[in-house]
């Protein structure tokens, strides 16, 4: 996950410069870009937000609640506990001992992106 002040501009530039393909755009505050089997999420960074990370590692897990418990027991600083989102994901975020930000995500439902305001980009 990479944070930018202008998501649309950043997404367009990353696609043109580095060869990503935009898979999904959520208004002007979030986009998912594909490259091969990987993905990058471009997200909105507010102006003047102190302490806001410019990036985070996003990892898929089988059970976000169990993963969260293990991380907390090992001393991870939990920023947000496991939360269910309308886009079909259960996620929590944490900070590791080096100050790196992580988001752990479990798929809990197959939800049409249009139902929560996203636009799916057709990639051939």
N, C-alpha and C. Protein backbone atom coordinates (compact mmCIF):
# COMPACT_ATOMS: atom_id res chain seq x y z
N UNK A 1 0.85 -1.16 0.00
CA UNK A 1 0.00 0.00 0.00
C UNK A 1 0.90 1.23 0.00
N UNK A 2 0.62 2.14 -0.93
CA UNK A 2 1.38 3.38 -1.03
C UNK A 2 0.41 4.55 -0.93
N UNK A 3 0.74 5.53 -0.09
CA UNK A 3 -0.13 6.69 0.11
C UNK A 3 0.38 7.89 -0.68
N UNK A 4 -0.54 8.54 -1.35
CA UNK A 4 -0.25 9.74 -2.15
C UNK A 4 -1.31 10.78 -1.86
N UNK A 5 -0.97 12.05 -2.06
CA UNK A 5 -1.96 13.11 -1.89
C UNK A 5 -3.00 13.07 -3.01
N UNK A 6 -2.56 12.72 -4.24
CA UNK A 6 -3.46 12.68 -5.40
C UNK A 6 -3.43 11.27 -5.99
N UNK A 7 -4.40 10.47 -5.59
CA UNK A 7 -4.44 9.05 -5.97
C UNK A 7 -4.59 8.86 -7.48
N UNK A 8 -5.48 9.58 -8.13
CA UNK A 8 -5.71 9.40 -9.56
C UNK A 8 -4.44 9.72 -10.33
N UNK A 9 -3.80 10.84 -10.00
CA UNK A 9 -2.56 11.23 -10.66
C UNK A 9 -1.47 10.18 -10.44
N UNK A 10 -1.34 9.69 -9.20
CA UNK A 10 -0.32 8.69 -8.88
C UNK A 10 -0.60 7.38 -9.62
N UNK A 11 -1.86 6.96 -9.64
CA UNK A 11 -2.23 5.71 -10.32
C UNK A 11 -1.90 5.80 -11.81
N UNK A 12 -2.30 6.89 -12.43
CA UNK A 12 -2.02 7.07 -13.86
C UNK A 12 -0.52 7.05 -14.13
N UNK A 13 0.24 7.74 -13.29
CA UNK A 13 1.69 7.81 -13.47
C UNK A 13 2.34 6.44 -13.28
N UNK A 14 1.96 5.71 -12.23
CA UNK A 14 2.53 4.38 -11.98
C UNK A 14 2.24 3.42 -13.13
N UNK A 15 1.03 3.51 -13.70
CA UNK A 15 0.69 2.65 -14.83
C UNK A 15 1.55 3.00 -16.04
N UNK A 16 1.67 4.27 -16.32
CA UNK A 16 2.44 4.70 -17.50
C UNK A 16 3.94 4.45 -17.31
N UNK A 17 4.49 4.81 -16.16
CA UNK A 17 5.93 4.73 -15.93
C UNK A 17 6.43 3.32 -15.65
N UNK A 18 5.68 2.55 -14.87
CA UNK A 18 6.16 1.26 -14.39
C UNK A 18 5.39 0.06 -14.95
N UNK A 19 4.38 0.32 -15.77
CA UNK A 19 3.68 -0.78 -16.43
C UNK A 19 2.60 -1.47 -15.62
N UNK A 20 2.10 -0.84 -14.55
CA UNK A 20 0.99 -1.42 -13.80
C UNK A 20 -0.29 -1.30 -14.63
N UNK A 21 -1.30 -2.09 -14.28
CA UNK A 21 -2.63 -1.98 -14.87
C UNK A 21 -3.61 -1.71 -13.75
N UNK A 22 -4.45 -0.70 -13.93
CA UNK A 22 -5.43 -0.38 -12.90
C UNK A 22 -6.56 -1.39 -12.96
N UNK A 23 -6.80 -2.08 -11.85
CA UNK A 23 -7.86 -3.08 -11.75
C UNK A 23 -9.14 -2.50 -11.18
N UNK A 24 -9.00 -1.60 -10.21
CA UNK A 24 -10.13 -1.12 -9.45
C UNK A 24 -9.85 0.31 -9.01
N UNK A 25 -10.86 1.18 -9.11
CA UNK A 25 -10.72 2.55 -8.59
C UNK A 25 -11.91 2.85 -7.71
N UNK A 26 -11.63 3.39 -6.53
CA UNK A 26 -12.68 3.75 -5.59
C UNK A 26 -12.67 5.27 -5.48
N UNK A 27 -13.62 5.89 -6.17
CA UNK A 27 -13.71 7.35 -6.27
C UNK A 27 -12.33 7.88 -6.63
N UNK A 28 -11.86 8.89 -5.88
CA UNK A 28 -10.52 9.43 -6.16
C UNK A 28 -9.59 9.21 -4.96
N UNK A 29 -9.94 8.25 -4.07
CA UNK A 29 -9.13 8.07 -2.87
C UNK A 29 -8.45 6.70 -2.75
N UNK A 30 -8.67 5.81 -3.73
CA UNK A 30 -8.05 4.49 -3.63
C UNK A 30 -8.08 3.79 -4.99
N UNK A 31 -7.02 3.03 -5.28
CA UNK A 31 -6.97 2.26 -6.52
C UNK A 31 -6.14 1.00 -6.28
N UNK A 32 -6.48 -0.05 -7.02
CA UNK A 32 -5.68 -1.27 -6.96
C UNK A 32 -5.03 -1.45 -8.32
N UNK A 33 -3.71 -1.59 -8.32
CA UNK A 33 -2.94 -1.75 -9.55
C UNK A 33 -2.34 -3.14 -9.58
N UNK A 34 -2.37 -3.76 -10.75
CA UNK A 34 -1.83 -5.10 -10.92
C UNK A 34 -0.53 -5.07 -11.72
N UNK A 35 0.35 -6.01 -11.37
CA UNK A 35 1.57 -6.23 -12.14
C UNK A 35 1.88 -7.71 -12.00
N UNK A 36 1.69 -8.47 -13.09
CA UNK A 36 1.87 -9.91 -13.00
C UNK A 36 0.91 -10.50 -11.98
N UNK A 37 1.43 -11.31 -11.05
CA UNK A 37 0.61 -11.92 -10.01
C UNK A 37 0.49 -11.06 -8.76
N UNK A 38 1.11 -9.89 -8.77
CA UNK A 38 1.11 -9.02 -7.58
C UNK A 38 0.19 -7.83 -7.75
N UNK A 39 0.02 -7.11 -6.66
CA UNK A 39 -0.83 -5.92 -6.68
C UNK A 39 -0.27 -4.86 -5.74
N UNK A 40 -0.57 -3.62 -6.07
CA UNK A 40 -0.22 -2.48 -5.23
C UNK A 40 -1.51 -1.71 -5.01
N UNK A 41 -1.74 -1.29 -3.79
CA UNK A 41 -2.90 -0.46 -3.48
C UNK A 41 -2.40 0.96 -3.29
N UNK A 42 -2.99 1.87 -4.04
CA UNK A 42 -2.67 3.29 -3.93
C UNK A 42 -3.79 3.91 -3.12
N UNK A 43 -3.44 4.61 -2.05
CA UNK A 43 -4.45 5.15 -1.15
C UNK A 43 -4.21 6.63 -0.87
N UNK A 44 -5.23 7.31 -0.39
CA UNK A 44 -5.18 8.74 -0.11
C UNK A 44 -4.38 9.04 1.14
N UNK A 45 -3.50 10.01 1.05
CA UNK A 45 -2.81 10.54 2.23
C UNK A 45 -3.27 11.97 2.40
N UNK A 46 -3.79 12.28 3.57
CA UNK A 46 -4.26 13.63 3.83
C UNK A 46 -3.12 14.61 3.99
N UNK A 47 -3.35 15.83 3.56
CA UNK A 47 -2.33 16.86 3.70
C UNK A 47 -2.10 17.17 5.17
N UNK A 48 -0.85 17.25 5.55
CA UNK A 48 -0.49 17.63 6.91
C UNK A 48 -0.76 16.59 7.97
N UNK A 49 -1.02 15.34 7.59
CA UNK A 49 -1.26 14.30 8.58
C UNK A 49 0.07 13.83 9.15
N UNK A 50 0.37 14.26 10.34
CA UNK A 50 1.62 13.87 10.98
C UNK A 50 1.56 12.43 11.43
N UNK A 51 2.63 11.72 11.24
CA UNK A 51 2.71 10.34 11.67
C UNK A 51 2.01 9.36 10.75
N UNK A 52 1.47 9.85 9.63
CA UNK A 52 0.78 8.97 8.69
C UNK A 52 1.82 8.27 7.84
N UNK A 53 1.75 6.97 7.79
CA UNK A 53 2.71 6.20 7.01
C UNK A 53 2.50 6.44 5.52
N UNK A 54 3.60 6.49 4.79
CA UNK A 54 3.49 6.64 3.34
C UNK A 54 3.35 5.29 2.65
N UNK A 55 3.54 4.20 3.41
CA UNK A 55 3.41 2.87 2.84
C UNK A 55 3.10 1.87 3.95
N UNK A 56 2.56 0.73 3.53
CA UNK A 56 2.31 -0.38 4.45
C UNK A 56 2.36 -1.66 3.63
N UNK A 57 2.72 -2.74 4.26
CA UNK A 57 2.71 -4.04 3.61
C UNK A 57 1.32 -4.64 3.85
N UNK A 58 0.69 -5.13 2.79
CA UNK A 58 -0.66 -5.70 2.86
C UNK A 58 -0.53 -7.20 2.61
N UNK A 59 -0.96 -8.00 3.58
CA UNK A 59 -0.77 -9.45 3.52
C UNK A 59 -2.12 -10.16 3.70
N UNK A 60 -2.38 -11.13 2.85
CA UNK A 60 -3.58 -11.96 2.99
C UNK A 60 -3.32 -13.06 4.00
N UNK A 61 -4.28 -13.27 4.90
CA UNK A 61 -4.19 -14.33 5.91
C UNK A 61 -5.49 -15.14 5.89
N UNK A 62 -5.42 -16.34 6.45
CA UNK A 62 -6.60 -17.23 6.51
C UNK A 62 -7.58 -16.79 7.60
N UNK A 63 -7.07 -16.31 8.73
CA UNK A 63 -7.91 -15.98 9.88
C UNK A 63 -7.35 -14.73 10.55
N UNK A 64 -7.95 -13.58 10.24
CA UNK A 64 -7.42 -12.31 10.74
C UNK A 64 -7.50 -12.21 12.27
N UNK A 65 -8.54 -12.74 12.88
CA UNK A 65 -8.66 -12.67 14.34
C UNK A 65 -7.55 -13.46 15.02
N UNK A 66 -7.33 -14.67 14.56
CA UNK A 66 -6.27 -15.50 15.15
C UNK A 66 -4.89 -14.88 14.89
N UNK A 67 -4.69 -14.36 13.70
CA UNK A 67 -3.42 -13.72 13.36
C UNK A 67 -3.19 -12.50 14.26
N UNK A 68 -4.23 -11.72 14.47
CA UNK A 68 -4.17 -10.54 15.34
C UNK A 68 -3.77 -10.93 16.77
N UNK A 69 -4.39 -11.99 17.29
CA UNK A 69 -4.06 -12.45 18.65
C UNK A 69 -2.58 -12.79 18.76
N UNK A 70 -2.06 -13.52 17.80
CA UNK A 70 -0.65 -13.91 17.81
C UNK A 70 0.26 -12.68 17.75
N UNK A 71 -0.06 -11.75 16.87
CA UNK A 71 0.74 -10.54 16.73
C UNK A 71 0.75 -9.72 18.01
N UNK A 72 -0.43 -9.57 18.63
CA UNK A 72 -0.53 -8.80 19.88
C UNK A 72 0.26 -9.48 20.99
N UNK A 73 0.18 -10.81 21.09
CA UNK A 73 0.94 -11.54 22.11
C UNK A 73 2.44 -11.36 21.94
N UNK A 74 2.87 -11.16 20.72
CA UNK A 74 4.30 -11.00 20.44
C UNK A 74 4.75 -9.54 20.53
N UNK A 75 3.84 -8.65 20.90
CA UNK A 75 4.21 -7.26 21.13
C UNK A 75 4.00 -6.31 19.97
N UNK A 76 3.31 -6.75 18.91
CA UNK A 76 3.01 -5.82 17.81
C UNK A 76 2.12 -4.70 18.34
N UNK A 77 2.39 -3.49 17.89
CA UNK A 77 1.54 -2.35 18.26
C UNK A 77 0.34 -2.36 17.32
N UNK A 78 -0.83 -2.62 17.86
CA UNK A 78 -2.04 -2.73 17.05
C UNK A 78 -2.63 -1.34 16.84
N UNK A 79 -2.77 -0.96 15.59
CA UNK A 79 -3.37 0.34 15.26
C UNK A 79 -4.89 0.24 15.17
N UNK A 80 -5.38 -0.83 14.52
CA UNK A 80 -6.81 -1.07 14.39
C UNK A 80 -7.06 -2.56 14.57
N UNK A 81 -7.99 -2.95 15.44
CA UNK A 81 -8.29 -4.38 15.64
C UNK A 81 -9.02 -4.94 14.43
N UNK A 82 -9.18 -6.26 14.36
CA UNK A 82 -9.90 -6.85 13.23
C UNK A 82 -11.29 -6.22 13.07
N UNK A 83 -11.56 -5.79 11.86
CA UNK A 83 -12.80 -5.10 11.54
C UNK A 83 -13.32 -5.63 10.22
N UNK A 84 -14.63 -5.86 10.13
CA UNK A 84 -15.25 -6.31 8.89
C UNK A 84 -15.63 -5.08 8.06
N UNK A 85 -15.32 -5.13 6.76
CA UNK A 85 -15.59 -4.01 5.86
C UNK A 85 -16.59 -4.43 4.79
N UNK A 86 -17.35 -3.46 4.25
CA UNK A 86 -18.40 -3.79 3.27
C UNK A 86 -17.85 -4.35 1.97
N UNK A 87 -16.57 -4.26 1.74
CA UNK A 87 -15.99 -4.81 0.51
C UNK A 87 -15.56 -6.27 0.69
N UNK A 88 -16.00 -6.90 1.77
CA UNK A 88 -15.80 -8.34 1.93
C UNK A 88 -14.49 -8.75 2.57
N UNK A 89 -13.87 -7.85 3.31
CA UNK A 89 -12.60 -8.15 3.96
C UNK A 89 -12.70 -7.89 5.46
N UNK A 90 -12.01 -8.71 6.23
CA UNK A 90 -11.79 -8.49 7.66
C UNK A 90 -10.31 -8.14 7.77
N UNK A 91 -10.03 -6.95 8.31
CA UNK A 91 -8.65 -6.47 8.35
C UNK A 91 -8.29 -5.91 9.71
N UNK A 92 -6.99 -6.00 10.01
CA UNK A 92 -6.45 -5.28 11.14
C UNK A 92 -5.11 -4.70 10.72
N UNK A 93 -4.67 -3.67 11.43
CA UNK A 93 -3.38 -3.08 11.09
C UNK A 93 -2.51 -3.01 12.33
N UNK A 94 -1.21 -3.12 12.09
CA UNK A 94 -0.25 -3.18 13.19
C UNK A 94 1.07 -2.56 12.76
N UNK A 95 1.89 -2.32 13.76
CA UNK A 95 3.24 -1.80 13.54
C UNK A 95 4.22 -2.79 14.15
N UNK A 96 5.28 -3.09 13.40
CA UNK A 96 6.26 -4.05 13.91
C UNK A 96 7.34 -3.35 14.74
N UNK A 97 8.28 -4.13 15.24
CA UNK A 97 9.30 -3.57 16.13
C UNK A 97 10.21 -2.57 15.44
N UNK A 98 10.23 -2.55 14.11
CA UNK A 98 11.03 -1.58 13.37
C UNK A 98 10.24 -0.35 12.95
N UNK A 99 8.97 -0.27 13.34
CA UNK A 99 8.13 0.87 12.98
C UNK A 99 7.45 0.74 11.63
N UNK A 100 7.52 -0.45 11.02
CA UNK A 100 6.89 -0.68 9.72
C UNK A 100 5.40 -0.98 9.92
N UNK A 101 4.57 -0.45 9.01
CA UNK A 101 3.13 -0.61 9.09
C UNK A 101 2.68 -1.80 8.24
N UNK A 102 1.76 -2.58 8.81
CA UNK A 102 1.25 -3.79 8.16
C UNK A 102 -0.27 -3.79 8.21
N UNK A 103 -0.90 -4.31 7.16
CA UNK A 103 -2.34 -4.55 7.13
C UNK A 103 -2.52 -6.02 6.79
N UNK A 104 -3.25 -6.73 7.64
CA UNK A 104 -3.52 -8.15 7.42
C UNK A 104 -4.99 -8.29 7.08
N UNK A 105 -5.29 -9.01 6.00
CA UNK A 105 -6.63 -9.04 5.45
C UNK A 105 -7.08 -10.47 5.16
N UNK A 106 -8.30 -10.77 5.59
CA UNK A 106 -8.94 -12.06 5.35
C UNK A 106 -10.19 -11.82 4.49
N UNK A 107 -10.33 -12.53 3.40
CA UNK A 107 -11.54 -12.43 2.58
C UNK A 107 -12.67 -13.16 3.29
N UNK A 108 -13.78 -12.46 3.51
CA UNK A 108 -14.92 -13.06 4.21
C UNK A 108 -16.18 -13.10 3.36
N UNK A 109 -16.18 -12.41 2.21
CA UNK A 109 -17.35 -12.42 1.32
C UNK A 109 -16.93 -11.99 -0.07
N UNK A 110 -17.61 -12.52 -1.07
CA UNK A 110 -17.38 -12.12 -2.45
C UNK A 110 -18.41 -11.04 -2.76
N UNK A 111 -17.95 -9.79 -2.78
CA UNK A 111 -18.85 -8.65 -2.90
C UNK A 111 -18.58 -7.91 -4.21
N UNK A 112 -19.64 -7.58 -4.93
CA UNK A 112 -19.50 -6.81 -6.16
C UNK A 112 -18.98 -5.41 -5.80
N UNK A 113 -17.85 -4.99 -6.38
CA UNK A 113 -17.29 -3.67 -6.05
C UNK A 113 -18.27 -2.52 -6.25
N UNK A 114 -19.18 -2.63 -7.21
CA UNK A 114 -20.14 -1.56 -7.45
C UNK A 114 -21.06 -1.35 -6.25
N UNK A 115 -21.28 -2.38 -5.43
CA UNK A 115 -22.17 -2.26 -4.27
C UNK A 115 -21.62 -1.36 -3.19
N UNK A 116 -20.30 -1.09 -3.20
CA UNK A 116 -19.72 -0.20 -2.20
C UNK A 116 -18.99 0.98 -2.83
N UNK A 117 -19.30 1.25 -4.12
CA UNK A 117 -18.83 2.48 -4.74
C UNK A 117 -17.57 2.40 -5.57
N UNK A 118 -17.07 1.22 -5.85
CA UNK A 118 -15.86 1.09 -6.66
C UNK A 118 -16.22 0.89 -8.13
N UNK A 119 -15.26 1.15 -8.98
CA UNK A 119 -15.42 0.92 -10.41
C UNK A 119 -14.40 -0.13 -10.82
N UNK A 120 -14.89 -1.25 -11.33
CA UNK A 120 -14.00 -2.32 -11.79
C UNK A 120 -13.51 -1.96 -13.19
N UNK A 121 -12.21 -2.04 -13.38
CA UNK A 121 -11.61 -1.76 -14.68
C UNK A 121 -11.43 -3.10 -15.41
N UNK A 122 -11.90 -3.21 -16.64
CA UNK A 122 -11.78 -4.45 -17.40
C UNK A 122 -10.39 -4.54 -17.99
N UNK A 123 -9.65 -5.58 -17.60
CA UNK A 123 -8.30 -5.80 -18.10
C UNK A 123 -8.34 -7.04 -18.97
N UNK A 124 -7.85 -6.91 -20.16
CA UNK A 124 -7.83 -8.06 -21.08
C UNK A 124 -6.43 -8.63 -21.13
